[in-house]
């Protein structure tokens, strides 16, 4: 992992071309359900959401979206994290910043997310950061499948296995008391 200075700043409307571009990147598309520009505009303006640009060493590296920031049940969702650089520890740094924000600034009791079943790299990151799997929504989202990349078998008529076009969503969460225990153990910055 390289040492980086990662910061989050509120997304401005002038950032939305960048946001849509990083979301459309071939390395990100299989793991998210891209939004239209107008959906991002809504998230920038909607008081219950927080839309941030991830800055890495003073340059834009991606974006994140939180939802439920005014949820009366204090259940805040990490709706989206999309980054350009991979394998440099930027995602882990972002997740840590977002956990701290959710529990210390937004007053969350529960900080949750869903992650596609095929996104094993992200699942591993979230588990290592204290998230607990709550359940799996089986084959509930259409999956962008690259030819030959999913291991789907052809049926008698040469049709692809229908399951290859769908992916699971795994719901994971971290509770405030679990976060506080991680802080006490020195696993989180206080």
Protein backbone atom coordinates (compact mmCIF):
# COMPACT_ATOMS: atom_id res chain seq x y z
CA UNK A 1 0.00 0.00 0.00
CA UNK A 2 1.34 3.37 -0.95
CA UNK A 3 1.07 6.30 1.43
CA UNK A 4 -1.54 8.76 0.26
CA UNK A 5 -3.34 11.76 1.60
CA UNK A 6 -6.99 10.97 0.93
CA UNK A 7 -9.62 13.62 1.56
CA UNK A 8 -13.33 13.91 0.89
CA UNK A 9 -14.88 17.14 -0.32
CA UNK A 10 -18.49 17.82 -1.26
CA UNK A 11 -19.22 17.12 -4.91
CA UNK A 12 -20.03 20.17 -6.98
CA UNK A 13 -22.17 20.12 -10.10
CA UNK A 14 -19.00 20.91 -12.06
CA UNK A 15 -17.62 17.51 -10.89
CA UNK A 16 -20.43 15.45 -12.41
CA UNK A 17 -18.73 14.80 -15.77
CA UNK A 18 -15.85 13.28 -13.81
CA UNK A 19 -18.27 11.28 -11.61
CA UNK A 20 -20.13 9.82 -14.59
CA UNK A 21 -16.84 9.09 -16.34
CA UNK A 22 -15.29 7.13 -13.45
CA UNK A 23 -18.54 5.26 -13.02
CA UNK A 24 -18.51 4.23 -16.70
CA UNK A 25 -14.91 2.96 -16.51
CA UNK A 26 -14.70 -0.70 -17.58
CA UNK A 27 -12.94 -1.57 -14.32
CA UNK A 28 -15.86 -0.27 -12.25
CA UNK A 29 -18.99 -1.10 -14.27
CA UNK A 30 -19.28 -4.80 -13.35
CA UNK A 31 -19.38 -3.93 -9.64
CA UNK A 32 -21.94 -1.10 -9.61
CA UNK A 33 -25.22 -0.11 -11.19
CA UNK A 34 -24.33 3.19 -12.90
CA UNK A 35 -26.58 6.18 -12.39
CA UNK A 36 -27.71 8.81 -14.84
CA UNK A 37 -26.23 12.27 -14.36
CA UNK A 38 -29.59 13.52 -13.05
CA UNK A 39 -29.49 10.92 -10.25
CA UNK A 40 -26.10 12.24 -9.16
CA UNK A 41 -27.44 15.81 -9.33
CA UNK A 42 -30.25 14.73 -7.02
CA UNK A 43 -27.83 13.15 -4.55
CA UNK A 44 -25.71 16.33 -4.53
CA UNK A 45 -28.80 18.41 -3.70
CA UNK A 46 -30.84 16.03 -1.50
CA UNK A 47 -30.38 16.82 2.23
CA UNK A 48 -30.58 13.14 3.23
CA UNK A 49 -27.55 12.28 1.06
CA UNK A 50 -23.88 13.22 1.05
CA UNK A 51 -22.03 13.07 -2.27
CA UNK A 52 -18.24 13.47 -2.00
CA UNK A 53 -15.31 13.60 -4.37
CA UNK A 54 -12.40 11.47 -3.20
CA UNK A 55 -9.21 13.47 -3.61
CA UNK A 56 -5.90 11.68 -3.65
CA UNK A 57 -2.84 13.86 -3.21
CA UNK A 58 -4.94 16.86 -4.38
CA UNK A 59 -6.30 15.14 -7.53
CA UNK A 60 -9.72 13.54 -8.04
CA UNK A 61 -9.58 9.76 -7.58
CA UNK A 62 -13.28 8.85 -7.38
CA UNK A 63 -16.45 9.56 -5.46
CA UNK A 64 -18.62 8.24 -2.64
CA UNK A 65 -22.28 8.60 -1.78
CA UNK A 66 -23.90 8.24 1.64
CA UNK A 67 -27.67 8.01 2.03
CA UNK A 68 -29.93 8.06 5.06
CA UNK A 69 -27.95 10.84 6.69
CA UNK A 70 -31.16 12.11 8.31
CA UNK A 71 -32.67 8.67 8.87
CA UNK A 72 -34.66 8.70 12.14
CA UNK A 73 -33.44 5.15 12.81
CA UNK A 74 -29.84 6.39 12.49
CA UNK A 75 -29.10 3.82 9.79
CA UNK A 76 -26.71 5.39 7.28
CA UNK A 77 -25.97 3.66 3.99
CA UNK A 78 -22.71 3.64 2.09
CA UNK A 79 -24.54 3.77 -1.21
CA UNK A 80 -21.57 3.94 -3.54
CA UNK A 81 -17.80 4.05 -3.55
CA UNK A 82 -16.17 4.27 -6.98
CA UNK A 83 -12.45 4.79 -7.42
CA UNK A 84 -10.05 5.02 -10.31
CA UNK A 85 -6.87 3.75 -8.63
CA UNK A 86 -6.98 0.09 -7.57
CA UNK A 87 -4.72 -1.87 -5.28
CA UNK A 88 -3.13 1.16 -3.62
CA UNK A 89 -5.10 1.21 -0.37
CA UNK A 90 -7.24 4.18 -1.39
CA UNK A 91 -10.48 2.22 -0.90
CA UNK A 92 -9.48 1.20 2.63
CA UNK A 93 -8.60 4.79 3.53
CA UNK A 94 -11.97 5.97 2.16
CA UNK A 95 -13.89 3.32 4.10
CA UNK A 96 -12.14 4.38 7.31
CA UNK A 97 -12.92 8.06 6.71
CA UNK A 98 -16.55 7.23 5.96
CA UNK A 99 -16.96 5.06 9.08
CA UNK A 100 -15.61 7.83 11.26
CA UNK A 101 -17.91 10.35 9.57
CA UNK A 102 -20.97 8.12 9.90
CA UNK A 103 -20.49 7.42 13.61
CA UNK A 104 -18.96 10.66 14.88
CA UNK A 105 -20.51 13.34 12.65
CA UNK A 106 -23.78 11.87 11.38
CA UNK A 107 -24.70 10.07 14.63
CA UNK A 108 -25.22 6.69 12.97
CA UNK A 109 -26.19 3.67 15.03
CA UNK A 110 -25.71 1.39 12.00
CA UNK A 111 -23.54 1.95 8.92
CA UNK A 112 -24.49 -0.45 6.16
CA UNK A 113 -23.90 -1.25 2.52
CA UNK A 114 -24.60 -3.83 -0.11
CA UNK A 115 -21.95 -5.30 -2.35
CA UNK A 116 -22.31 -7.48 -5.42
CA UNK A 117 -21.53 -11.14 -4.91
CA UNK A 118 -18.91 -11.13 -7.66
CA UNK A 119 -17.05 -8.24 -6.02
CA UNK A 120 -14.99 -10.47 -3.75
CA UNK A 121 -12.22 -7.89 -3.41
CA UNK A 122 -14.61 -5.35 -1.87
CA UNK A 123 -16.21 -8.01 0.36
CA UNK A 124 -12.79 -8.88 1.74
CA UNK A 125 -12.05 -5.22 2.40
CA UNK A 126 -15.34 -4.66 4.22
CA UNK A 127 -14.89 -7.78 6.38
CA UNK A 128 -11.37 -6.70 7.32
CA UNK A 129 -12.80 -3.30 8.31
CA UNK A 130 -15.27 -4.87 10.75
CA UNK A 131 -18.40 -5.20 8.61
CA UNK A 132 -20.61 -8.20 9.30
CA UNK A 133 -22.61 -9.97 6.61
CA UNK A 134 -26.32 -9.73 7.38
CA UNK A 135 -27.74 -11.56 4.42
CA UNK A 136 -27.73 -12.22 0.72
CA UNK A 137 -30.31 -11.16 -1.84
CA UNK A 138 -29.93 -13.92 -4.40
CA UNK A 139 -29.70 -13.01 -8.10
CA UNK A 140 -31.48 -9.71 -7.54
CA UNK A 141 -29.48 -7.44 -9.86
CA UNK A 142 -28.61 -7.68 -13.52
CA UNK A 143 -24.92 -8.28 -13.97
CA UNK A 144 -22.71 -6.90 -16.67
CA UNK A 145 -21.12 -10.09 -17.96
CA UNK A 146 -18.04 -10.16 -20.09
CA UNK A 147 -18.04 -12.99 -22.67
CA UNK A 148 -16.46 -16.10 -21.20
CA UNK A 149 -15.65 -14.38 -17.91
CA UNK A 150 -18.45 -15.81 -15.80
CA UNK A 151 -18.07 -19.54 -16.29
CA UNK A 152 -21.65 -19.86 -17.52
CA UNK A 153 -22.52 -23.07 -19.22
CA UNK A 154 -24.43 -23.24 -22.47
CA UNK A 155 -27.70 -25.10 -22.44
CA UNK A 156 -28.98 -27.58 -25.02
CA UNK A 157 -29.99 -24.77 -27.37
CA UNK A 158 -26.70 -22.90 -26.95
CA UNK A 159 -28.33 -20.39 -24.59
CA UNK A 160 -26.25 -19.15 -21.70
CA UNK A 161 -27.21 -20.20 -18.20
CA UNK A 162 -29.71 -17.53 -17.11
CA UNK A 163 -27.96 -17.15 -13.73
CA UNK A 164 -24.89 -15.74 -15.48
CA UNK A 165 -26.79 -12.49 -16.16
CA UNK A 166 -27.66 -11.90 -12.51
CA UNK A 167 -25.68 -11.29 -9.35
CA UNK A 168 -26.38 -11.43 -5.63
CA UNK A 169 -26.27 -8.46 -3.31
CA UNK A 170 -24.66 -9.07 0.05
CA UNK A 171 -25.85 -6.77 2.83
CA UNK A 172 -23.16 -5.91 5.39
CA UNK A 173 -23.17 -3.55 8.35
CA UNK A 174 -21.17 -2.18 11.24
CA UNK A 175 -22.88 -1.07 14.44
CA UNK A 176 -21.73 1.87 16.55
CA UNK A 177 -20.73 -0.36 19.47
CA UNK A 178 -18.64 -2.51 17.09
CA UNK A 179 -16.98 0.60 15.71
CA UNK A 180 -16.27 1.88 19.23
CA UNK A 181 -14.74 -1.50 20.16
CA UNK A 182 -12.46 -1.21 17.11
CA UNK A 183 -11.43 2.30 18.22
CA UNK A 184 -10.67 0.97 21.74
CA UNK A 185 -8.54 -1.80 20.19
CA UNK A 186 -6.61 0.74 18.10
CA UNK A 187 -8.07 -0.57 14.82
CA UNK A 188 -9.70 2.79 14.02
CA UNK A 189 -8.41 6.33 14.35
CA UNK A 190 -10.14 8.02 17.28
